[in-house]
């Protein structure tokens, strides 16, 4: 029995990401989480600075850089720990990875079929819509069953 580990990993990742996608998480506050949590706790910037081992002006810069989305993850993690928080970080796809792969394969298949259909029509060899749909589906399935890397190569380099 041949195991398809890449497919299994994809399903497991999709399952984990679905929990993030379906979570009704609040957006980041305009001032950033560091400032919002610090204010919510009634903690002064001076006290947070002492917990971080930095100057008070550094805390102000940290809060500004988070609000401007220029803070590094390691700095955000240190600030979270100083606030007795846990940093959770994820890239959450808008749709499942399976759906993304299917859509990409479909787009490539339609692109390839369009070129073929155009040539065949010029040669008066056009096929029926049903036959074209069946060929497109077969091409999608072929693209999906091969290496996923092929789906992301620039046009003209899919071989």
C-alpha atoms as a PDB file:
ATOM      1  CA  UNK A   1       0.000   0.000   0.000  1.00  0.00           C
ATOM      2  CA  UNK A   2       1.445   3.334  -1.101  1.00  0.00           C
ATOM      3  CA  UNK A   3       0.990   6.155   1.409  1.00  0.00           C
ATOM      4  CA  UNK A   4       0.532   9.685   0.182  1.00  0.00           C
ATOM      5  CA  UNK A   5       2.321  11.662   2.911  1.00  0.00           C
ATOM      6  CA  UNK A   6       2.130  15.040   1.136  1.00  0.00           C
ATOM      7  CA  UNK A   7      -1.647  14.644   0.835  1.00  0.00           C
ATOM      8  CA  UNK A   8      -1.911  13.600   4.487  1.00  0.00           C
ATOM      9  CA  UNK A   9       0.181  16.607   5.585  1.00  0.00           C
ATOM     10  CA  UNK A  10      -2.004  18.874   3.449  1.00  0.00           C
ATOM     11  CA  UNK A  11      -5.180  17.547   5.093  1.00  0.00           C
ATOM     12  CA  UNK A  12      -3.695  17.911   8.578  1.00  0.00           C
ATOM     13  CA  UNK A  13      -2.576  21.482   7.884  1.00  0.00           C
ATOM     14  CA  UNK A  14      -5.955  22.337   6.361  1.00  0.00           C
ATOM     15  CA  UNK A  15      -7.650  20.965   9.471  1.00  0.00           C
ATOM     16  CA  UNK A  16      -5.468  23.053  11.783  1.00  0.00           C
ATOM     17  CA  UNK A  17      -5.934  26.176   9.671  1.00  0.00           C
ATOM     18  CA  UNK A  18      -9.702  25.673   9.526  1.00  0.00           C
ATOM     19  CA  UNK A  19      -9.837  26.255  13.280  1.00  0.00           C
ATOM     20  CA  UNK A  20      -8.069  29.594  12.788  1.00  0.00           C
ATOM     21  CA  UNK A  21     -10.271  30.470   9.800  1.00  0.00           C
ATOM     22  CA  UNK A  22     -13.467  29.739  11.707  1.00  0.00           C
ATOM     23  CA  UNK A  23     -12.330  31.495  14.900  1.00  0.00           C
ATOM     24  CA  UNK A  24     -14.082  34.795  15.433  1.00  0.00           C
ATOM     25  CA  UNK A  25     -10.936  36.649  16.457  1.00  0.00           C
ATOM     26  CA  UNK A  26     -11.038  40.391  17.062  1.00  0.00           C
ATOM     27  CA  UNK A  27      -8.944  42.589  14.793  1.00  0.00           C
ATOM     28  CA  UNK A  28      -5.734  44.073  16.139  1.00  0.00           C
ATOM     29  CA  UNK A  29      -6.514  47.284  18.033  1.00  0.00           C
ATOM     30  CA  UNK A  30      -5.365  50.413  16.171  1.00  0.00           C
ATOM     31  CA  UNK A  31      -2.823  51.111  18.928  1.00  0.00           C
ATOM     32  CA  UNK A  32      -1.620  47.491  18.837  1.00  0.00           C
ATOM     33  CA  UNK A  33      -1.953  44.636  21.320  1.00  0.00           C
ATOM     34  CA  UNK A  34       0.977  45.686  23.513  1.00  0.00           C
ATOM     35  CA  UNK A  35      -0.537  49.078  24.255  1.00  0.00           C
ATOM     36  CA  UNK A  36      -4.104  47.751  24.539  1.00  0.00           C
ATOM     37  CA  UNK A  37      -3.145  45.005  26.999  1.00  0.00           C
ATOM     38  CA  UNK A  38      -0.798  47.260  28.952  1.00  0.00           C
ATOM     39  CA  UNK A  39      -3.582  49.863  29.259  1.00  0.00           C
ATOM     40  CA  UNK A  40      -6.139  47.165  30.094  1.00  0.00           C
ATOM     41  CA  UNK A  41      -3.918  45.957  32.937  1.00  0.00           C
ATOM     42  CA  UNK A  42      -3.328  49.532  34.091  1.00  0.00           C
ATOM     43  CA  UNK A  43       0.404  48.929  33.656  1.00  0.00           C
ATOM     44  CA  UNK A  44       2.645  51.925  33.111  1.00  0.00           C
ATOM     45  CA  UNK A  45       5.123  52.022  30.245  1.00  0.00           C
ATOM     46  CA  UNK A  46       7.819  52.435  32.894  1.00  0.00           C
ATOM     47  CA  UNK A  47       6.832  49.194  34.632  1.00  0.00           C
ATOM     48  CA  UNK A  48       6.678  47.274  31.320  1.00  0.00           C
ATOM     49  CA  UNK A  49      10.086  48.724  30.440  1.00  0.00           C
ATOM     50  CA  UNK A  50      11.517  47.398  33.703  1.00  0.00           C
ATOM     51  CA  UNK A  51      10.075  43.934  32.999  1.00  0.00           C
ATOM     52  CA  UNK A  52      11.659  44.023  29.533  1.00  0.00           C
ATOM     53  CA  UNK A  53      14.942  45.454  30.815  1.00  0.00           C
ATOM     54  CA  UNK A  54      14.731  48.472  28.489  1.00  0.00           C
ATOM     55  CA  UNK A  55      14.156  52.230  28.751  1.00  0.00           C
ATOM     56  CA  UNK A  56      10.612  53.620  28.866  1.00  0.00           C
ATOM     57  CA  UNK A  57      11.199  55.303  25.493  1.00  0.00           C
ATOM     58  CA  UNK A  58      11.873  51.839  24.032  1.00  0.00           C
ATOM     59  CA  UNK A  59       8.411  50.660  25.133  1.00  0.00           C
ATOM     60  CA  UNK A  60       6.906  53.672  23.367  1.00  0.00           C
ATOM     61  CA  UNK A  61       8.868  52.772  20.209  1.00  0.00           C
ATOM     62  CA  UNK A  62       7.770  49.109  20.523  1.00  0.00           C
ATOM     63  CA  UNK A  63       4.122  50.132  20.749  1.00  0.00           C
ATOM     64  CA  UNK A  64       4.500  52.453  17.760  1.00  0.00           C
ATOM     65  CA  UNK A  65       6.269  49.820  15.684  1.00  0.00           C
ATOM     66  CA  UNK A  66       3.517  47.291  16.439  1.00  0.00           C
ATOM     67  CA  UNK A  67       0.825  49.804  15.460  1.00  0.00           C
ATOM     68  CA  UNK A  68       2.786  50.548  12.245  1.00  0.00           C
ATOM     69  CA  UNK A  69       3.232  46.791  11.586  1.00  0.00           C
ATOM     70  CA  UNK A  70       7.017  47.034  11.577  1.00  0.00           C
ATOM     71  CA  UNK A  71       7.706  45.163  14.814  1.00  0.00           C
ATOM     72  CA  UNK A  72       9.686  41.929  14.592  1.00  0.00           C
ATOM     73  CA  UNK A  73       8.170  38.679  15.798  1.00  0.00           C
ATOM     74  CA  UNK A  74      10.953  38.154  18.318  1.00  0.00           C
ATOM     75  CA  UNK A  75      10.345  41.601  19.814  1.00  0.00           C
ATOM     76  CA  UNK A  76       6.601  41.016  19.898  1.00  0.00           C
ATOM     77  CA  UNK A  77       7.227  37.653  21.612  1.00  0.00           C
ATOM     78  CA  UNK A  78       9.404  39.309  24.279  1.00  0.00           C
ATOM     79  CA  UNK A  79       6.754  41.972  24.907  1.00  0.00           C
ATOM     80  CA  UNK A  80       4.042  39.294  25.120  1.00  0.00           C
ATOM     81  CA  UNK A  81       6.055  37.375  27.721  1.00  0.00           C
ATOM     82  CA  UNK A  82       6.626  40.566  29.725  1.00  0.00           C
ATOM     83  CA  UNK A  83       2.837  41.098  29.696  1.00  0.00           C
ATOM     84  CA  UNK A  84       2.308  37.444  30.741  1.00  0.00           C
ATOM     85  CA  UNK A  85       0.741  36.741  27.361  1.00  0.00           C
ATOM     86  CA  UNK A  86       1.245  34.075  24.748  1.00  0.00           C
ATOM     87  CA  UNK A  87       2.054  35.102  21.182  1.00  0.00           C
ATOM     88  CA  UNK A  88       0.093  33.081  18.651  1.00  0.00           C
ATOM     89  CA  UNK A  89       1.132  33.598  15.066  1.00  0.00           C
ATOM     90  CA  UNK A  90      -0.402  32.140  11.941  1.00  0.00           C
ATOM     91  CA  UNK A  91      -0.891  32.784   8.265  1.00  0.00           C
ATOM     92  CA  UNK A  92      -4.549  31.924   7.698  1.00  0.00           C
ATOM     93  CA  UNK A  93      -5.498  31.173   4.095  1.00  0.00           C
ATOM     94  CA  UNK A  94      -8.814  32.689   3.021  1.00  0.00           C
ATOM     95  CA  UNK A  95      -9.902  29.254   1.794  1.00  0.00           C
ATOM     96  CA  UNK A  96      -8.659  25.714   2.357  1.00  0.00           C
ATOM     97  CA  UNK A  97      -5.339  24.747   0.792  1.00  0.00           C
ATOM     98  CA  UNK A  98      -7.223  22.025  -1.112  1.00  0.00           C
ATOM     99  CA  UNK A  99      -9.536  24.678  -2.596  1.00  0.00           C
ATOM    100  CA  UNK A 100      -6.544  26.857  -3.490  1.00  0.00           C
ATOM    101  CA  UNK A 101      -4.848  23.948  -5.279  1.00  0.00           C
ATOM    102  CA  UNK A 102      -8.068  23.054  -7.108  1.00  0.00           C
ATOM    103  CA  UNK A 103      -8.591  26.670  -8.208  1.00  0.00           C
ATOM    104  CA  UNK A 104      -4.981  26.967  -9.396  1.00  0.00           C
ATOM    105  CA  UNK A 105      -5.171  23.687 -11.334  1.00  0.00           C
ATOM    106  CA  UNK A 106      -8.479  24.801 -12.872  1.00  0.00           C
ATOM    107  CA  UNK A 107      -7.016  28.152 -13.929  1.00  0.00           C
ATOM    108  CA  UNK A 108      -4.017  26.444 -15.556  1.00  0.00           C
ATOM    109  CA  UNK A 109      -6.222  23.849 -17.229  1.00  0.00           C
ATOM    110  CA  UNK A 110      -8.552  26.523 -18.609  1.00  0.00           C
ATOM    111  CA  UNK A 111      -5.566  28.500 -19.855  1.00  0.00           C
ATOM    112  CA  UNK A 112      -4.151  25.447 -21.632  1.00  0.00           C
ATOM    113  CA  UNK A 113      -7.541  24.352 -22.964  1.00  0.00           C
ATOM    114  CA  UNK A 114      -8.262  27.848 -24.244  1.00  0.00           C
ATOM    115  CA  UNK A 115      -5.126  27.822 -26.379  1.00  0.00           C
ATOM    116  CA  UNK A 116      -5.904  24.330 -27.676  1.00  0.00           C
ATOM    117  CA  UNK A 117      -9.578  25.148 -28.338  1.00  0.00           C
ATOM    118  CA  UNK A 118      -8.613  28.287 -30.239  1.00  0.00           C
ATOM    119  CA  UNK A 119      -6.223  26.349 -32.494  1.00  0.00           C
ATOM    120  CA  UNK A 120      -8.768  23.590 -33.077  1.00  0.00           C
ATOM    121  CA  UNK A 121     -11.497  26.125 -33.921  1.00  0.00           C
ATOM    122  CA  UNK A 122      -9.200  27.772 -36.479  1.00  0.00           C
ATOM    123  CA  UNK A 123      -8.716  24.366 -38.066  1.00  0.00           C
ATOM    124  CA  UNK A 124     -12.476  23.693 -37.991  1.00  0.00           C
ATOM    125  CA  UNK A 125     -11.977  20.901 -35.449  1.00  0.00           C
ATOM    126  CA  UNK A 126     -13.867  22.429 -32.525  1.00  0.00           C
ATOM    127  CA  UNK A 127     -15.196  19.994 -29.938  1.00  0.00           C
ATOM    128  CA  UNK A 128     -18.524  20.059 -28.133  1.00  0.00           C
ATOM    129  CA  UNK A 129     -18.804  21.942 -24.822  1.00  0.00           C
ATOM    130  CA  UNK A 130     -19.311  18.611 -23.027  1.00  0.00           C
ATOM    131  CA  UNK A 131     -16.147  17.136 -24.539  1.00  0.00           C
ATOM    132  CA  UNK A 132     -14.233  20.323 -23.714  1.00  0.00           C
ATOM    133  CA  UNK A 133     -15.497  20.188 -20.101  1.00  0.00           C
ATOM    134  CA  UNK A 134     -14.481  16.530 -19.796  1.00  0.00           C
ATOM    135  CA  UNK A 135     -11.027  17.283 -21.212  1.00  0.00           C
ATOM    136  CA  UNK A 136     -10.645  20.246 -18.867  1.00  0.00           C
ATOM    137  CA  UNK A 137     -11.629  18.092 -15.857  1.00  0.00           C
ATOM    138  CA  UNK A 138      -9.154  15.413 -16.932  1.00  0.00           C
ATOM    139  CA  UNK A 139      -6.412  18.035 -17.212  1.00  0.00           C
ATOM    140  CA  UNK A 140      -7.276  19.437 -13.762  1.00  0.00           C
ATOM    141  CA  UNK A 141      -7.085  15.927 -12.306  1.00  0.00           C
ATOM    142  CA  UNK A 142      -3.756  15.311 -14.047  1.00  0.00           C
ATOM    143  CA  UNK A 143      -2.348  18.588 -12.725  1.00  0.00           C
ATOM    144  CA  UNK A 144      -3.592  17.780  -9.203  1.00  0.00           C
ATOM    145  CA  UNK A 145      -2.133  14.271  -9.227  1.00  0.00           C
ATOM    146  CA  UNK A 146       1.334  15.457 -10.250  1.00  0.00           C
ATOM    147  CA  UNK A 147       3.835  17.586  -8.399  1.00  0.00           C
ATOM    148  CA  UNK A 148       2.240  20.624  -6.750  1.00  0.00           C
ATOM    149  CA  UNK A 149       5.251  22.688  -7.763  1.00  0.00           C
ATOM    150  CA  UNK A 150       4.115  22.528 -11.385  1.00  0.00           C
ATOM    151  CA  UNK A 151       1.036  24.511 -10.398  1.00  0.00           C
ATOM    152  CA  UNK A 152       3.152  27.496  -9.400  1.00  0.00           C
ATOM    153  CA  UNK A 153       5.715  27.634 -12.196  1.00  0.00           C
ATOM    154  CA  UNK A 154       5.532  30.659 -14.501  1.00  0.00           C
ATOM    155  CA  UNK A 155       3.452  30.229 -17.657  1.00  0.00           C
ATOM    156  CA  UNK A 156       5.201  28.284 -20.394  1.00  0.00           C
ATOM    157  CA  UNK A 157       7.342  26.356 -17.892  1.00  0.00           C
ATOM    158  CA  UNK A 158       4.789  23.789 -16.710  1.00  0.00           C
ATOM    159  CA  UNK A 159       6.601  20.785 -18.116  1.00  0.00           C
END
